[in-house]
Every structure is written in structure tokens, then in C-alpha cells.
Amino acid sequence: MLYEHNIRAEDSPFESLSRGIVITDKNREQYETKKEQLCVEYTDWVIKATSEGIKNEFWYKMMSKRTKTRIQYWLVDVLPFPTLREVDINVVSMITSSAA
């Protein structure tokens, strides 16, 4: 069950790109460009997060101790990844509002 939850959490940013959007010939290129940018940013973020986790960087310690919330993390620490940040803030917001 945990594995399936992790896979779902990893896939949700990519799924949210097309949620509520009808892909047409007119907007297909824009959609594909944003999807590609998201994949690039996601890869760069995973590399950054993994290396900073291994080095036990300050922000990683704050997240581990839960001193900083997930939404605070996405609003501040992920500024170099604007597409990923935008999509994941939406995902985190949906998860938060559906849990209430």
C-alpha cells in the first residue's frame, strides 16, 4: 500500500498538468512544452533534494523535524523550479483541502 501511495504522489504533479484542460491542436505545443519543462525541473529537484539530504543540509533538517510545513517549503525553497513549484502547490493544496 505504501509503495502504491508513493507512486501516486510522484505521478500527481504530471497528471495535474492536464486536469481540466482539453488538449487541442491549438494548445498541444504549449502543453507539451510545459510538460517537458516540468520533467526537467522535477529531475533537477530530485538530484538537488537527494544530494542535500545526504549532506544533511539545513533545510533538509527543518523538513525532517517538521519545523517547516510542506507548503512553506514549496512557497520558499523551490523558487528555482517555477513550473514544478506551481504544479506542486496546487497538488499540496488539493490534498490539504480534501483532508479537511
PDB file of N, CA and C in Angstrom:
ATOM      1  N   MET A   1       0.823  -1.194   0.000  1.00  0.00           N
ATOM      2  CA  MET A   1       0.000   0.000   0.000  1.00  0.00           C
ATOM      3  C   MET A   1       0.868   1.259   0.000  1.00  0.00           C
ATOM      4  N   LEU A   2       1.915   1.292   0.821  1.00  0.00           N
ATOM      5  CA  LEU A   2       2.790   2.450   0.893  1.00  0.00           C
ATOM      6  C   LEU A   2       3.449   2.699  -0.468  1.00  0.00           C
ATOM      7  N   TYR A   3       3.891   1.631  -1.128  1.00  0.00           N
ATOM      8  CA  TYR A   3       4.511   1.763  -2.450  1.00  0.00           C
ATOM      9  C   TYR A   3       3.545   2.405  -3.439  1.00  0.00           C
ATOM     10  N   GLU A   4       2.305   1.934  -3.450  1.00  0.00           N
ATOM     11  CA  GLU A   4       1.292   2.495  -4.360  1.00  0.00           C
ATOM     12  C   GLU A   4       1.029   3.958  -4.042  1.00  0.00           C
ATOM     13  N   HIS A   5       1.013   4.324  -2.768  1.00  0.00           N
ATOM     14  CA  HIS A   5       0.813   5.720  -2.366  1.00  0.00           C
ATOM     15  C   HIS A   5       1.968   6.588  -2.861  1.00  0.00           C
ATOM     16  N   ASN A   6       3.205   6.080  -2.725  1.00  0.00           N
ATOM     17  CA  ASN A   6       4.374   6.827  -3.194  1.00  0.00           C
ATOM     18  C   ASN A   6       4.337   7.037  -4.705  1.00  0.00           C
ATOM     19  N   ILE A   7       3.961   6.006  -5.437  1.00  0.00           N
ATOM     20  CA  ILE A   7       3.859   6.121  -6.897  1.00  0.00           C
ATOM     21  C   ILE A   7       2.798   7.155  -7.252  1.00  0.00           C
ATOM     22  N   ARG A   8       1.670   7.114  -6.589  1.00  0.00           N
ATOM     23  CA  ARG A   8       0.587   8.073  -6.837  1.00  0.00           C
ATOM     24  C   ARG A   8       1.048   9.498  -6.543  1.00  0.00           C
ATOM     25  N   ALA A   9       1.772   9.677  -5.435  1.00  0.00           N
ATOM     26  CA  ALA A   9       2.270  11.005  -5.070  1.00  0.00           C
ATOM     27  C   ALA A   9       3.275  11.515  -6.099  1.00  0.00           C
ATOM     28  N   GLU A  10       4.117  10.624  -6.614  1.00  0.00           N
ATOM     29  CA  GLU A  10       5.097  11.029  -7.621  1.00  0.00           C
ATOM     30  C   GLU A  10       4.433  11.356  -8.957  1.00  0.00           C
ATOM     31  N   ASP A  11       3.357  10.663  -9.297  1.00  0.00           N
ATOM     32  CA  ASP A  11       2.683  10.881 -10.577  1.00  0.00           C
ATOM     33  C   ASP A  11       1.746  12.081 -10.566  1.00  0.00           C
ATOM     34  N   SER A  12       1.263  12.486  -9.389  1.00  0.00           N
ATOM     35  CA  SER A  12       0.238  13.528  -9.335  1.00  0.00           C
ATOM     36  C   SER A  12       0.645  14.863  -9.952  1.00  0.00           C
ATOM     37  N   PRO A  13       1.890  15.323  -9.815  1.00  0.00           N
ATOM     38  CA  PRO A  13       2.217  16.588 -10.484  1.00  0.00           C
ATOM     39  C   PRO A  13       2.063  16.516 -11.998  1.00  0.00           C
ATOM     40  N   PHE A  14       2.424  15.390 -12.590  1.00  0.00           N
ATOM     41  CA  PHE A  14       2.329  15.244 -14.031  1.00  0.00           C
ATOM     42  C   PHE A  14       0.876  15.121 -14.486  1.00  0.00           C
ATOM     43  N   GLU A  15       0.068  14.423 -13.702  1.00  0.00           N
ATOM     44  CA  GLU A  15      -1.350  14.296 -14.020  1.00  0.00           C
ATOM     45  C   GLU A  15      -2.068  15.638 -13.925  1.00  0.00           C
ATOM     46  N   SER A  16      -1.640  16.473 -12.975  1.00  0.00           N
ATOM     47  CA  SER A  16      -2.332  17.738 -12.752  1.00  0.00           C
ATOM     48  C   SER A  16      -2.137  18.716 -13.901  1.00  0.00           C
ATOM     49  N   LEU A  17      -1.119  18.504 -14.725  1.00  0.00           N
ATOM     50  CA  LEU A  17      -0.909  19.380 -15.878  1.00  0.00           C
ATOM     51  C   LEU A  17      -2.089  19.361 -16.832  1.00  0.00           C
ATOM     52  N   SER A  18      -2.685  18.190 -17.019  1.00  0.00           N
ATOM     53  CA  SER A  18      -3.773  18.072 -17.992  1.00  0.00           C
ATOM     54  C   SER A  18      -5.157  18.073 -17.358  1.00  0.00           C
ATOM     55  N   ARG A  19      -5.235  18.106 -16.032  1.00  0.00           N
ATOM     56  CA  ARG A  19      -6.527  18.074 -15.355  1.00  0.00           C
ATOM     57  C   ARG A  19      -7.333  19.324 -15.713  1.00  0.00           C
ATOM     58  N   GLY A  20      -8.521  19.129 -16.241  1.00  0.00           N
ATOM     59  CA  GLY A  20      -9.406  20.237 -16.566  1.00  0.00           C
ATOM     60  C   GLY A  20      -9.054  20.960 -17.856  1.00  0.00           C
ATOM     61  N   ILE A  21      -8.097  20.436 -18.606  1.00  0.00           N
ATOM     62  CA  ILE A  21      -7.690  21.070 -19.862  1.00  0.00           C
ATOM     63  C   ILE A  21      -8.015  20.135 -21.015  1.00  0.00           C
ATOM     64  N   VAL A  22      -8.654  20.682 -22.027  1.00  0.00           N
ATOM     65  CA  VAL A  22      -8.894  19.921 -23.241  1.00  0.00           C
ATOM     66  C   VAL A  22      -7.740  20.224 -24.189  1.00  0.00           C
ATOM     67  N   ILE A  23      -6.973  19.195 -24.520  1.00  0.00           N
ATOM     68  CA  ILE A  23      -5.828  19.383 -25.399  1.00  0.00           C
ATOM     69  C   ILE A  23      -6.328  19.422 -26.842  1.00  0.00           C
ATOM     70  N   THR A  24      -6.018  20.510 -27.526  1.00  0.00           N
ATOM     71  CA  THR A  24      -6.398  20.685 -28.929  1.00  0.00           C
ATOM     72  C   THR A  24      -5.138  20.906 -29.755  1.00  0.00           C
ATOM     73  N   ASP A  25      -5.300  20.928 -31.061  1.00  0.00           N
ATOM     74  CA  ASP A  25      -4.150  21.210 -31.918  1.00  0.00           C
ATOM     75  C   ASP A  25      -3.567  22.587 -31.609  1.00  0.00           C
ATOM     76  N   LYS A  26      -4.417  23.491 -31.202  1.00  0.00           N
ATOM     77  CA  LYS A  26      -4.010  24.868 -30.933  1.00  0.00           C
ATOM     78  C   LYS A  26      -3.131  24.989 -29.675  1.00  0.00           C
ATOM     79  N   ASN A  27      -3.425  24.210 -28.641  1.00  0.00           N
ATOM     80  CA  ASN A  27      -2.666  24.337 -27.397  1.00  0.00           C
ATOM     81  C   ASN A  27      -1.742  23.151 -27.113  1.00  0.00           C
ATOM     82  N   ARG A  28      -1.683  22.183 -28.013  1.00  0.00           N
ATOM     83  CA  ARG A  28      -0.874  20.986 -27.790  1.00  0.00           C
ATOM     84  C   ARG A  28       0.607  21.318 -27.591  1.00  0.00           C
ATOM     85  N   GLU A  29       1.152  22.208 -28.407  1.00  0.00           N
ATOM     86  CA  GLU A  29       2.572  22.540 -28.304  1.00  0.00           C
ATOM     87  C   GLU A  29       2.885  23.212 -26.959  1.00  0.00           C
ATOM     88  N   GLN A  30       2.014  24.102 -26.516  1.00  0.00           N
ATOM     89  CA  GLN A  30       2.192  24.775 -25.233  1.00  0.00           C
ATOM     90  C   GLN A  30       2.139  23.748 -24.093  1.00  0.00           C
ATOM     91  N   TYR A  31       1.191  22.817 -24.181  1.00  0.00           N
ATOM     92  CA  TYR A  31       1.060  21.774 -23.171  1.00  0.00           C
ATOM     93  C   TYR A  31       2.317  20.896 -23.133  1.00  0.00           C
ATOM     94  N   GLU A  32       2.799  20.493 -24.312  1.00  0.00           N
ATOM     95  CA  GLU A  32       3.981  19.631 -24.388  1.00  0.00           C
ATOM     96  C   GLU A  32       5.222  20.361 -23.856  1.00  0.00           C
ATOM     97  N   THR A  33       5.336  21.649 -24.141  1.00  0.00           N
ATOM     98  CA  THR A  33       6.465  22.442 -23.645  1.00  0.00           C
ATOM     99  C   THR A  33       6.447  22.503 -22.121  1.00  0.00           C
ATOM    100  N   LYS A  34       5.273  22.747 -21.553  1.00  0.00           N
ATOM    101  CA  LYS A  34       5.152  22.820 -20.089  1.00  0.00           C
ATOM    102  C   LYS A  34       5.425  21.455 -19.459  1.00  0.00           C
ATOM    103  N   LYS A  35       4.954  20.405 -20.088  1.00  0.00           N
ATOM    104  CA  LYS A  35       5.184  19.054 -19.579  1.00  0.00           C
ATOM    105  C   LYS A  35       6.685  18.735 -19.595  1.00  0.00           C
ATOM    106  N   GLU A  36       7.359  19.105 -20.671  1.00  0.00           N
ATOM    107  CA  GLU A  36       8.797  18.871 -20.776  1.00  0.00           C
ATOM    108  C   GLU A  36       9.553  19.680 -19.713  1.00  0.00           C
ATOM    109  N   GLN A  37       9.165  20.943 -19.531  1.00  0.00           N
ATOM    110  CA  GLN A  37       9.799  21.785 -18.515  1.00  0.00           C
ATOM    111  C   GLN A  37       9.594  21.192 -17.123  1.00  0.00           C
ATOM    112  N   LEU A  38       8.411  20.685 -16.862  1.00  0.00           N
ATOM    113  CA  LEU A  38       8.129  20.058 -15.568  1.00  0.00           C
ATOM    114  C   LEU A  38       9.031  18.847 -15.347  1.00  0.00           C
ATOM    115  N   CYS A  39       9.204  18.029 -16.367  1.00  0.00           N
ATOM    116  CA  CYS A  39      10.058  16.842 -16.241  1.00  0.00           C
ATOM    117  C   CYS A  39      11.508  17.229 -15.963  1.00  0.00           C
ATOM    118  N   VAL A  40      12.001  18.254 -16.658  1.00  0.00           N
ATOM    119  CA  VAL A  40      13.372  18.721 -16.448  1.00  0.00           C
ATOM    120  C   VAL A  40      13.532  19.245 -15.023  1.00  0.00           C
ATOM    121  N   GLU A  41      12.596  20.084 -14.587  1.00  0.00           N
ATOM    122  CA  GLU A  41      12.667  20.648 -13.243  1.00  0.00           C
ATOM    123  C   GLU A  41      12.543  19.563 -12.178  1.00  0.00           C
ATOM    124  N   TYR A  42      11.675  18.595 -12.406  1.00  0.00           N
ATOM    125  CA  TYR A  42      11.497  17.511 -11.442  1.00  0.00           C
ATOM    126  C   TYR A  42      12.799  16.726 -11.289  1.00  0.00           C
ATOM    127  N   THR A  43      13.447  16.429 -12.404  1.00  0.00           N
ATOM    128  CA  THR A  43      14.717  15.697 -12.368  1.00  0.00           C
ATOM    129  C   THR A  43      15.775  16.497 -11.614  1.00  0.00           C
ATOM    130  N   ASP A  44      15.883  17.789 -11.923  1.00  0.00           N
ATOM    131  CA  ASP A  44      16.856  18.647 -11.232  1.00  0.00           C
ATOM    132  C   ASP A  44      16.552  18.735  -9.743  1.00  0.00           C
ATOM    133  N   TRP A  45      15.260  18.825  -9.400  1.00  0.00           N
ATOM    134  CA  TRP A  45      14.874  18.913  -7.992  1.00  0.00           C
ATOM    135  C   TRP A  45      15.213  17.626  -7.244  1.00  0.00           C
ATOM    136  N   VAL A  46      14.960  16.460  -7.854  1.00  0.00           N
ATOM    137  CA  VAL A  46      15.272  15.178  -7.207  1.00  0.00           C
ATOM    138  C   VAL A  46      16.774  15.088  -6.937  1.00  0.00           C
ATOM    139  N   ILE A  47      17.586  15.503  -7.909  1.00  0.00           N
ATOM    140  CA  ILE A  47      19.040  15.485  -7.730  1.00  0.00           C
ATOM    141  C   ILE A  47      19.432  16.411  -6.579  1.00  0.00           C
ATOM    142  N   LYS A  48      18.887  17.621  -6.555  1.00  0.00           N
ATOM    143  CA  LYS A  48      19.196  18.602  -5.507  1.00  0.00           C
ATOM    144  C   LYS A  48      18.747  18.095  -4.133  1.00  0.00           C
ATOM    145  N   ALA A  49      17.522  17.611  -4.058  1.00  0.00           N
ATOM    146  CA  ALA A  49      16.987  17.142  -2.775  1.00  0.00           C
ATOM    147  C   ALA A  49      17.759  15.941  -2.252  1.00  0.00           C
ATOM    148  N   THR A  50      18.117  15.036  -3.137  1.00  0.00           N
ATOM    149  CA  THR A  50      18.864  13.848  -2.725  1.00  0.00           C
ATOM    150  C   THR A  50      20.247  14.226  -2.209  1.00  0.00           C
ATOM    151  N   SER A  51      20.943  15.084  -2.945  1.00  0.00           N
ATOM    152  CA  SER A  51      22.295  15.452  -2.511  1.00  0.00           C
ATOM    153  C   SER A  51      22.255  16.258  -1.214  1.00  0.00           C
ATOM    154  N   GLU A  52      21.269  17.145  -1.063  1.00  0.00           N
ATOM    155  CA  GLU A  52      21.181  17.928   0.169  1.00  0.00           C
ATOM    156  C   GLU A  52      20.717  17.059   1.339  1.00  0.00           C
ATOM    157  N   GLY A  53      19.932  16.034   1.055  1.00  0.00           N
ATOM    158  CA  GLY A  53      19.552  15.090   2.110  1.00  0.00           C
ATOM    159  C   GLY A  53      20.752  14.293   2.586  1.00  0.00           C
ATOM    160  N   ILE A  54      21.581  13.878   1.645  1.00  0.00           N
ATOM    161  CA  ILE A  54      22.791  13.123   2.003  1.00  0.00           C
ATOM    162  C   ILE A  54      23.735  13.997   2.825  1.00  0.00           C
ATOM    163  N   LYS A  55      23.850  15.267   2.446  1.00  0.00           N
ATOM    164  CA  LYS A  55      24.731  16.199   3.186  1.00  0.00           C
ATOM    165  C   LYS A  55      24.069  16.710   4.466  1.00  0.00           C
ATOM    166  N   ASN A  56      22.804  16.375   4.651  1.00  0.00           N
ATOM    167  CA  ASN A  56      22.039  16.808   5.827  1.00  0.00           C
ATOM    168  C   ASN A  56      22.023  18.334   5.952  1.00  0.00           C
ATOM    169  N   GLU A  57      21.718  18.990   4.825  1.00  0.00           N
ATOM    170  CA  GLU A  57      21.662  20.446   4.763  1.00  0.00           C
ATOM    171  C   GLU A  57      20.595  20.989   5.721  1.00  0.00           C
ATOM    172  N   PHE A  58      20.702  22.281   6.021  1.00  0.00           N
ATOM    173  CA  PHE A  58      19.822  22.940   6.986  1.00  0.00           C
ATOM    174  C   PHE A  58      18.344  22.780   6.633  1.00  0.00           C
ATOM    175  N   TRP A  59      17.948  23.054   5.359  1.00  0.00           N
ATOM    176  CA  TRP A  59      16.521  22.959   5.000  1.00  0.00           C
ATOM    177  C   TRP A  59      16.027  21.530   5.126  1.00  0.00           C
ATOM    178  N   TYR A  60      16.914  20.577   4.855  1.00  0.00           N
ATOM    179  CA  TYR A  60      16.532  19.167   4.969  1.00  0.00           C
ATOM    180  C   TYR A  60      16.257  18.817   6.438  1.00  0.00           C
ATOM    181  N   LYS A  61      17.086  19.341   7.329  1.00  0.00           N
ATOM    182  CA  LYS A  61      16.873  19.108   8.763  1.00  0.00           C
ATOM    183  C   LYS A  61      15.534  19.703   9.204  1.00  0.00           C
ATOM    184  N   MET A  62      15.232  20.912   8.699  1.00  0.00           N
ATOM    185  CA  MET A  62      13.964  21.557   9.067  1.00  0.00           C
ATOM    186  C   MET A  62      12.772  20.729   8.589  1.00  0.00           C
ATOM    187  N   MET A  63      12.855  20.200   7.395  1.00  0.00           N
ATOM    188  CA  MET A  63      11.762  19.370   6.878  1.00  0.00           C
ATOM    189  C   MET A  63      11.650  18.075   7.683  1.00  0.00           C
ATOM    190  N   SER A  64      12.781  17.470   8.005  1.00  0.00           N
ATOM    191  CA  SER A  64      12.779  16.217   8.775  1.00  0.00           C
ATOM    192  C   SER A  64      12.180  16.404  10.159  1.00  0.00           C
ATOM    193  N   LYS A  65      12.493  17.533  10.785  1.00  0.00           N
ATOM    194  CA  LYS A  65      11.967  17.826  12.124  1.00  0.00           C
ATOM    195  C   LYS A  65      10.551  18.388  12.068  1.00  0.00           C
ATOM    196  N   ARG A  66      10.078  18.661  10.861  1.00  0.00           N
ATOM    197  CA  ARG A  66       8.761  19.259  10.627  1.00  0.00           C
ATOM    198  C   ARG A  66       8.662  20.666  11.235  1.00  0.00           C
ATOM    199  N   THR A  67       9.800  21.354  11.257  1.00  0.00           N
ATOM    200  CA  THR A  67       9.828  22.750  11.691  1.00  0.00           C
ATOM    201  C   THR A  67       9.157  23.613  10.625  1.00  0.00           C
ATOM    202  N   LYS A  68       9.298  23.180   9.388  1.00  0.00           N
ATOM    203  CA  LYS A  68       8.719  23.885   8.256  1.00  0.00           C
ATOM    204  C   LYS A  68       7.660  22.974   7.632  1.00  0.00           C
ATOM    205  N   THR A  69       6.521  23.543   7.261  1.00  0.00           N
ATOM    206  CA  THR A  69       5.470  22.739   6.633  1.00  0.00           C
ATOM    207  C   THR A  69       5.791  22.514   5.160  1.00  0.00           C
ATOM    208  N   ARG A  70       5.088  21.571   4.549  1.00  0.00           N
ATOM    209  CA  ARG A  70       5.287  21.304   3.121  1.00  0.00           C
ATOM    210  C   ARG A  70       4.959  22.526   2.282  1.00  0.00           C
ATOM    211  N   ILE A  71       3.893  23.223   2.625  1.00  0.00           N
ATOM    212  CA  ILE A  71       3.511  24.382   1.824  1.00  0.00           C
ATOM    213  C   ILE A  71       4.540  25.499   1.994  1.00  0.00           C
ATOM    214  N   GLN A  72       5.088  25.684   3.201  1.00  0.00           N
ATOM    215  CA  GLN A  72       6.154  26.676   3.393  1.00  0.00           C
ATOM    216  C   GLN A  72       7.372  26.314   2.545  1.00  0.00           C
ATOM    217  N   TYR A  73       7.697  25.032   2.518  1.00  0.00           N
ATOM    218  CA  TYR A  73       8.815  24.563   1.699  1.00  0.00           C
ATOM    219  C   TYR A  73       8.584  24.907   0.229  1.00  0.00           C
ATOM    220  N   TRP A  74       7.388  24.577  -0.284  1.00  0.00           N
ATOM    221  CA  TRP A  74       7.114  24.816  -1.712  1.00  0.00           C
ATOM    222  C   TRP A  74       7.027  26.299  -2.035  1.00  0.00           C
ATOM    223  N   LEU A  75       6.568  27.107  -1.105  1.00  0.00           N
ATOM    224  CA  LEU A  75       6.463  28.545  -1.360  1.00  0.00           C
ATOM    225  C   LEU A  75       7.817  29.247  -1.361  1.00  0.00           C
ATOM    226  N   VAL A  76       8.775  28.736  -0.587  1.00  0.00           N
ATOM    227  CA  VAL A  76      10.044  29.448  -0.422  1.00  0.00           C
ATOM    228  C   VAL A  76      11.236  28.713  -1.053  1.00  0.00           C
ATOM    229  N   ASP A  77      11.429  27.459  -0.719  1.00  0.00           N
ATOM    230  CA  ASP A  77      12.663  26.757  -1.077  1.00  0.00           C
ATOM    231  C   ASP A  77      12.719  26.237  -2.509  1.00  0.00           C
ATOM    232  N   VAL A  78      11.624  26.264  -3.211  1.00  0.00           N
ATOM    233  CA  VAL A  78      11.605  25.679  -4.550  1.00  0.00           C
ATOM    234  C   VAL A  78      11.506  26.772  -5.630  1.00  0.00           C
ATOM    235  N   LEU A  79      11.879  27.985  -5.295  1.00  0.00           N
ATOM    236  CA  LEU A  79      11.826  29.093  -6.257  1.00  0.00           C
ATOM    237  C   LEU A  79      12.613  28.838  -7.554  1.00  0.00           C
ATOM    238  N   PRO A  80      13.749  28.114  -7.524  1.00  0.00           N
ATOM    239  CA  PRO A  80      14.468  27.857  -8.776  1.00  0.00           C
ATOM    240  C   PRO A  80      13.733  26.915  -9.744  1.00  0.00           C
ATOM    241  N   PHE A  81      12.612  26.351  -9.306  1.00  0.00           N
ATOM    242  CA  PHE A  81      11.865  25.397 -10.123  1.00  0.00           C
ATOM    243  C   PHE A  81      10.422  25.882 -10.291  1.00  0.00           C
ATOM    244  N   PRO A  82      10.184  26.943 -11.066  1.00  0.00           N
ATOM    245  CA  PRO A  82       8.866  27.587 -11.091  1.00  0.00           C
ATOM    246  C   PRO A  82       7.724  26.703 -11.593  1.00  0.00           C
ATOM    247  N   THR A  83       7.958  25.879 -12.598  1.00  0.00           N
ATOM    248  CA  THR A  83       6.880  25.022 -13.112  1.00  0.00           C
ATOM    249  C   THR A  83       6.534  23.953 -12.090  1.00  0.00           C
ATOM    250  N   LEU A  84       7.539  23.313 -11.538  1.00  0.00           N
ATOM    251  CA  LEU A  84       7.334  22.287 -10.510  1.00  0.00           C
ATOM    252  C   LEU A  84       6.661  22.899  -9.284  1.00  0.00           C
ATOM    253  N   ARG A  85       7.096  24.074  -8.909  1.00  0.00           N
ATOM    254  CA  ARG A  85       6.536  24.767  -7.749  1.00  0.00           C
ATOM    255  C   ARG A  85       5.047  25.045  -7.945  1.00  0.00           C
ATOM    256  N   GLU A  86       4.695  25.582  -9.098  1.00  0.00           N
ATOM    257  CA  GLU A  86       3.290  25.911  -9.397  1.00  0.00           C
ATOM    258  C   GLU A  86       2.403  24.672  -9.338  1.00  0.00           C
ATOM    259  N   VAL A  87       2.844  23.617  -9.968  1.00  0.00           N
ATOM    260  CA  VAL A  87       2.050  22.388 -10.017  1.00  0.00           C
ATOM    261  C   VAL A  87       1.943  21.762  -8.633  1.00  0.00           C
ATOM    262  N   ASP A  88       3.051  21.683  -7.907  1.00  0.00           N
ATOM    263  CA  ASP A  88       3.017  21.023  -6.604  1.00  0.00           C
ATOM    264  C   ASP A  88       2.282  21.824  -5.537  1.00  0.00           C
ATOM    265  N   ILE A  89       2.299  23.144  -5.624  1.00  0.00           N
ATOM    266  CA  ILE A  89       1.486  23.935  -4.697  1.00  0.00           C
ATOM    267  C   ILE A  89       0.016  23.599  -4.913  1.00  0.00           C
ATOM    268  N   ASN A  90      -0.390  23.453  -6.178  1.00  0.00           N
ATOM    269  CA  ASN A  90      -1.773  23.060  -6.472  1.00  0.00           C
ATOM    270  C   ASN A  90      -2.080  21.673  -5.916  1.00  0.00           C
ATOM    271  N   VAL A  91      -1.149  20.742  -6.074  1.00  0.00           N
ATOM    272  CA  VAL A  91      -1.357  19.377  -5.580  1.00  0.00           C
ATOM    273  C   VAL A  91      -1.426  19.372  -4.059  1.00  0.00           C
ATOM    274  N   VAL A  92      -0.494  20.054  -3.388  1.00  0.00           N
ATOM    275  CA  VAL A  92      -0.481  20.105  -1.927  1.00  0.00           C
ATOM    276  C   VAL A  92      -1.767  20.768  -1.434  1.00  0.00           C
ATOM    277  N   SER A  93      -2.215  21.802  -2.110  1.00  0.00           N
ATOM    278  CA  SER A  93      -3.462  22.479  -1.729  1.00  0.00           C
ATOM    279  C   SER A  93      -4.658  21.556  -1.867  1.00  0.00           C
ATOM    280  N   MET A  94      -4.696  20.761  -2.944  1.00  0.00           N
ATOM    281  CA  MET A  94      -5.807  19.822  -3.132  1.00  0.00           C
ATOM    282  C   MET A  94      -5.811  18.768  -2.047  1.00  0.00           C
ATOM    283  N   ILE A  95      -4.620  18.245  -1.719  1.00  0.00           N
ATOM    284  CA  ILE A  95      -4.515  17.215  -0.691  1.00  0.00           C
ATOM    285  C   ILE A  95      -4.952  17.777   0.651  1.00  0.00           C
ATOM    286  N   THR A  96      -4.514  19.001   0.951  1.00  0.00           N
ATOM    287  CA  THR A  96      -4.879  19.643   2.219  1.00  0.00           C
ATOM    288  C   THR A  96      -6.376  19.900   2.309  1.00  0.00           C
ATOM    289  N   SER A  97      -6.974  20.432   1.242  1.00  0.00           N
ATOM    290  CA  SER A  97      -8.389  20.752   1.299  1.00  0.00           C
ATOM    291  C   SER A  97      -9.262  19.498   1.320  1.00  0.00           C
ATOM    292  N   SER A  98      -8.821  18.415   0.693  1.00  0.00           N
ATOM    293  CA  SER A  98      -9.624  17.198   0.700  1.00  0.00           C
ATOM    294  C   SER A  98      -9.498  16.450   2.031  1.00  0.00           C
ATOM    295  N   ALA A  99      -8.438  16.733   2.786  1.00  0.00           N
ATOM    296  CA  ALA A  99      -8.261  16.088   4.085  1.00  0.00           C
ATOM    297  C   ALA A  99      -9.087  16.765   5.170  1.00  0.00           C
ATOM    298  N   ALA A 100      -9.507  17.990   4.912  1.00  0.00           N
ATOM    299  CA  ALA A 100     -10.238  18.748   5.941  1.00  0.00           C
ATOM    300  C   ALA A 100     -11.672  18.271   6.101  1.00  0.00           C
TER     301      ALA A 100
END
